[in-house]
Structures are given as C-alpha cells and as structure tokens.
Amino acid sequence: MNRSGEIYLHDKLAGFLSETGEGYIFKYDNNFLKNGIPISFTFPLRSESYFSKKLFSFFEGLLPEGWTLEIYSKVLKIDSEDKFGLLLGTCHDCIGAVSVKEIKNET
C-alpha cells in the first residue's frame, strides 16, 4: 500500500512524504524551494528527493508518545507500530511549525 502526505511549514506547502514498497521519500515542493526555509537541519533545501528505508527520524519525532500514542492508536484504529499511518492520522495539527496532511487516494 502506497500512502502519502503533504508536508506544511507554517501553513505553507513545503513538500511531500510518500511510503513505497522500498521505503520513504521526501521531496520539497518546487514553489517552496524558491522562497522557503528548510523544515529541518536534516532536510536542507534541494530539488532532489530524500530516501530512507525507514521513516525519517524527523517525521517520527512529530508523533505523540507514551499513553497519548496508545490512545490515538486505539481511537484511530491504527496499529501502534504503523508509524507512517499514525503520522498521517495525528499530525495534521501538530505542536510546532510542521504539519502533515494525508493525501487521499481516490479509487
């Protein structure tokens, strides 16, 4: 199952995060590259995509922890080991400057 989300910095579309069969891809939006600032020190502005076999630590760090994570997992019916699913389900209104909005694939 390929899933993806839009990444926002201060309500401006910064890029896209996707889950594939091989891992995860983060790519900055071309318009954001012209006038944006990096979403993290680990993601300097560049036109090339970033790739990782596991969810990037920066995005995993946006997730709730402890009992809050357990509650979200139960309420949203998302396995607590499904970090990307939890990111899409919980980080549309994160504390801080970065948020994640799921891109719904309509079939």
C-alpha atoms as a PDB file:
ATOM      1  CA  MET A   1       0.000   0.000   0.000  1.00  0.00           C
ATOM      2  CA  ASN A   2       1.499   3.340  -1.065  1.00  0.00           C
ATOM      3  CA  ARG A   3       0.467   6.245   1.147  1.00  0.00           C
ATOM      4  CA  SER A   4       1.485   9.861   1.039  1.00  0.00           C
ATOM      5  CA  GLY A   5       1.065  13.183   2.750  1.00  0.00           C
ATOM      6  CA  GLU A   6       1.599  16.852   2.165  1.00  0.00           C
ATOM      7  CA  ILE A   7       4.121  18.484   4.485  1.00  0.00           C
ATOM      8  CA  TYR A   8       3.381  22.036   5.607  1.00  0.00           C
ATOM      9  CA  LEU A   9       5.628  24.561   7.312  1.00  0.00           C
ATOM     10  CA  HIS A  10       3.656  27.398   8.923  1.00  0.00           C
ATOM     11  CA  ASP A  11       0.652  26.508   6.725  1.00  0.00           C
ATOM     12  CA  LYS A  12       2.709  26.729   3.510  1.00  0.00           C
ATOM     13  CA  LEU A  13       3.049  23.588   1.401  1.00  0.00           C
ATOM     14  CA  ALA A  14       6.688  22.578   1.829  1.00  0.00           C
ATOM     15  CA  GLY A  15       6.783  19.150   0.207  1.00  0.00           C
ATOM     16  CA  PHE A  16       5.536  15.614   0.006  1.00  0.00           C
ATOM     17  CA  LEU A  17       6.264  12.476   2.017  1.00  0.00           C
ATOM     18  CA  SER A  18       5.494   9.088   0.488  1.00  0.00           C
ATOM     19  CA  GLU A  19       5.665   5.493   1.632  1.00  0.00           C
ATOM     20  CA  THR A  20       6.615   2.949  -1.026  1.00  0.00           C
ATOM     21  CA  GLY A  21       7.441  -0.733  -1.020  1.00  0.00           C
ATOM     22  CA  GLU A  22      11.139   0.179  -0.737  1.00  0.00           C
ATOM     23  CA  GLY A  23      10.914   2.837   1.967  1.00  0.00           C
ATOM     24  CA  TYR A  24      10.107   6.536   2.301  1.00  0.00           C
ATOM     25  CA  ILE A  25      10.625   9.526   0.040  1.00  0.00           C
ATOM     26  CA  PHE A  26      10.539  13.199   0.995  1.00  0.00           C
ATOM     27  CA  LYS A  27      10.627  15.828  -1.749  1.00  0.00           C
ATOM     28  CA  TYR A  28      10.322  19.581  -1.431  1.00  0.00           C
ATOM     29  CA  ASP A  29       7.627  21.327  -3.458  1.00  0.00           C
ATOM     30  CA  ASN A  30       9.205  23.289  -6.342  1.00  0.00           C
ATOM     31  CA  ASN A  31       7.455  26.540  -5.363  1.00  0.00           C
ATOM     32  CA  PHE A  32       8.611  26.173  -1.761  1.00  0.00           C
ATOM     33  CA  LEU A  33      12.222  25.745  -2.910  1.00  0.00           C
ATOM     34  CA  LYS A  34      12.168  29.249  -4.404  1.00  0.00           C
ATOM     35  CA  ASN A  35      11.356  31.099  -1.156  1.00  0.00           C
ATOM     36  CA  GLY A  36      11.211  28.558   1.651  1.00  0.00           C
ATOM     37  CA  ILE A  37      13.438  27.608   4.523  1.00  0.00           C
ATOM     38  CA  PRO A  38      14.349  24.008   5.390  1.00  0.00           C
ATOM     39  CA  ILE A  39      11.795  22.138   7.507  1.00  0.00           C
ATOM     40  CA  SER A  40      14.728  20.691   9.451  1.00  0.00           C
ATOM     41  CA  PHE A  41      18.526  20.747   9.553  1.00  0.00           C
ATOM     42  CA  THR A  42      18.354  17.150   8.329  1.00  0.00           C
ATOM     43  CA  PHE A  43      16.471  18.269   5.183  1.00  0.00           C
ATOM     44  CA  PRO A  44      18.436  21.146   3.597  1.00  0.00           C
ATOM     45  CA  LEU A  45      16.651  22.702   0.632  1.00  0.00           C
ATOM     46  CA  ARG A  46      17.356  20.792  -2.578  1.00  0.00           C
ATOM     47  CA  SER A  47      15.423  19.710  -5.636  1.00  0.00           C
ATOM     48  CA  GLU A  48      16.426  16.033  -5.323  1.00  0.00           C
ATOM     49  CA  SER A  49      14.321  13.659  -3.244  1.00  0.00           C
ATOM     50  CA  TYR A  50      15.436  12.254   0.096  1.00  0.00           C
ATOM     51  CA  PHE A  51      15.104   8.480   0.535  1.00  0.00           C
ATOM     52  CA  SER A  52      15.188   6.240   3.612  1.00  0.00           C
ATOM     53  CA  LYS A  53      14.369   2.578   4.146  1.00  0.00           C
ATOM     54  CA  LYS A  54      12.686   3.520   7.453  1.00  0.00           C
ATOM     55  CA  LEU A  55      10.583   6.518   8.378  1.00  0.00           C
ATOM     56  CA  PHE A  56      12.848   9.568   8.671  1.00  0.00           C
ATOM     57  CA  SER A  57      13.682  10.332  12.303  1.00  0.00           C
ATOM     58  CA  PHE A  58      12.480  13.922  11.904  1.00  0.00           C
ATOM     59  CA  PHE A  59       8.958  12.788  10.993  1.00  0.00           C
ATOM     60  CA  GLU A  60       8.909  10.040  13.613  1.00  0.00           C
ATOM     61  CA  GLY A  61       9.774  12.734  16.157  1.00  0.00           C
ATOM     62  CA  LEU A  62       6.492  14.508  15.366  1.00  0.00           C
ATOM     63  CA  LEU A  63       4.478  11.571  16.730  1.00  0.00           C
ATOM     64  CA  PRO A  64       2.873  11.595  20.148  1.00  0.00           C
ATOM     65  CA  GLU A  65       4.498   9.340  22.728  1.00  0.00           C
ATOM     66  CA  GLY A  66       3.564   7.136  25.662  1.00  0.00           C
ATOM     67  CA  TRP A  67      -0.049   6.963  26.754  1.00  0.00           C
ATOM     68  CA  THR A  68      -1.054   9.645  24.232  1.00  0.00           C
ATOM     69  CA  LEU A  69       0.199   7.436  21.408  1.00  0.00           C
ATOM     70  CA  GLU A  70      -1.702   4.477  22.856  1.00  0.00           C
ATOM     71  CA  ILE A  71      -4.930   6.493  22.957  1.00  0.00           C
ATOM     72  CA  TYR A  72      -4.527   7.748  19.377  1.00  0.00           C
ATOM     73  CA  SER A  73      -3.731   4.217  18.222  1.00  0.00           C
ATOM     74  CA  LYS A  74      -6.902   2.823  19.824  1.00  0.00           C
ATOM     75  CA  VAL A  75      -9.214   5.670  18.820  1.00  0.00           C
ATOM     76  CA  LEU A  76      -7.981   5.835  15.226  1.00  0.00           C
ATOM     77  CA  LYS A  77      -7.676   2.034  14.985  1.00  0.00           C
ATOM     78  CA  ILE A  78      -4.088   2.291  13.744  1.00  0.00           C
ATOM     79  CA  ASP A  79      -1.503  -0.258  14.851  1.00  0.00           C
ATOM     80  CA  SER A  80       0.964   1.418  17.206  1.00  0.00           C
ATOM     81  CA  GLU A  81       3.801   0.003  15.053  1.00  0.00           C
ATOM     82  CA  ASP A  82       2.434   1.736  11.928  1.00  0.00           C
ATOM     83  CA  LYS A  83       4.410   4.951  12.387  1.00  0.00           C
ATOM     84  CA  PHE A  84       3.525   6.341   8.972  1.00  0.00           C
ATOM     85  CA  GLY A  85      -0.177   5.669   9.495  1.00  0.00           C
ATOM     86  CA  LEU A  86      -0.011   7.386  12.866  1.00  0.00           C
ATOM     87  CA  LEU A  87       1.839  10.329  11.322  1.00  0.00           C
ATOM     88  CA  LEU A  88      -0.915  10.750   8.730  1.00  0.00           C
ATOM     89  CA  GLY A  89      -3.629  10.274  11.349  1.00  0.00           C
ATOM     90  CA  THR A  90      -2.324  12.550  14.096  1.00  0.00           C
ATOM     91  CA  CYS A  91      -0.002  15.192  12.688  1.00  0.00           C
ATOM     92  CA  HIS A  92      -2.394  17.353  10.714  1.00  0.00           C
ATOM     93  CA  ASP A  93      -2.363  19.696  13.720  1.00  0.00           C
ATOM     94  CA  CYS A  94       0.975  19.041  15.436  1.00  0.00           C
ATOM     95  CA  ILE A  95       2.574  21.177  18.075  1.00  0.00           C
ATOM     96  CA  GLY A  96       5.183  23.220  16.252  1.00  0.00           C
ATOM     97  CA  ALA A  97       5.664  24.566  12.763  1.00  0.00           C
ATOM     98  CA  VAL A  98       5.386  21.353  10.715  1.00  0.00           C
ATOM     99  CA  SER A  99       2.157  19.531   9.958  1.00  0.00           C
ATOM    100  CA  VAL A 100       1.237  16.549   7.779  1.00  0.00           C
ATOM    101  CA  LYS A 101      -1.981  16.199   5.789  1.00  0.00           C
ATOM    102  CA  GLU A 102      -2.825  12.850   4.265  1.00  0.00           C
ATOM    103  CA  ILE A 103      -3.322  12.717   0.512  1.00  0.00           C
ATOM    104  CA  LYS A 104      -6.356  10.521  -0.001  1.00  0.00           C
ATOM    105  CA  ASN A 105      -6.071   8.225  -2.983  1.00  0.00           C
ATOM    106  CA  GLU A 106      -9.495   8.066  -4.556  1.00  0.00           C
ATOM    107  CA  THR A 107     -10.208   4.884  -6.459  1.00  0.00           C
END
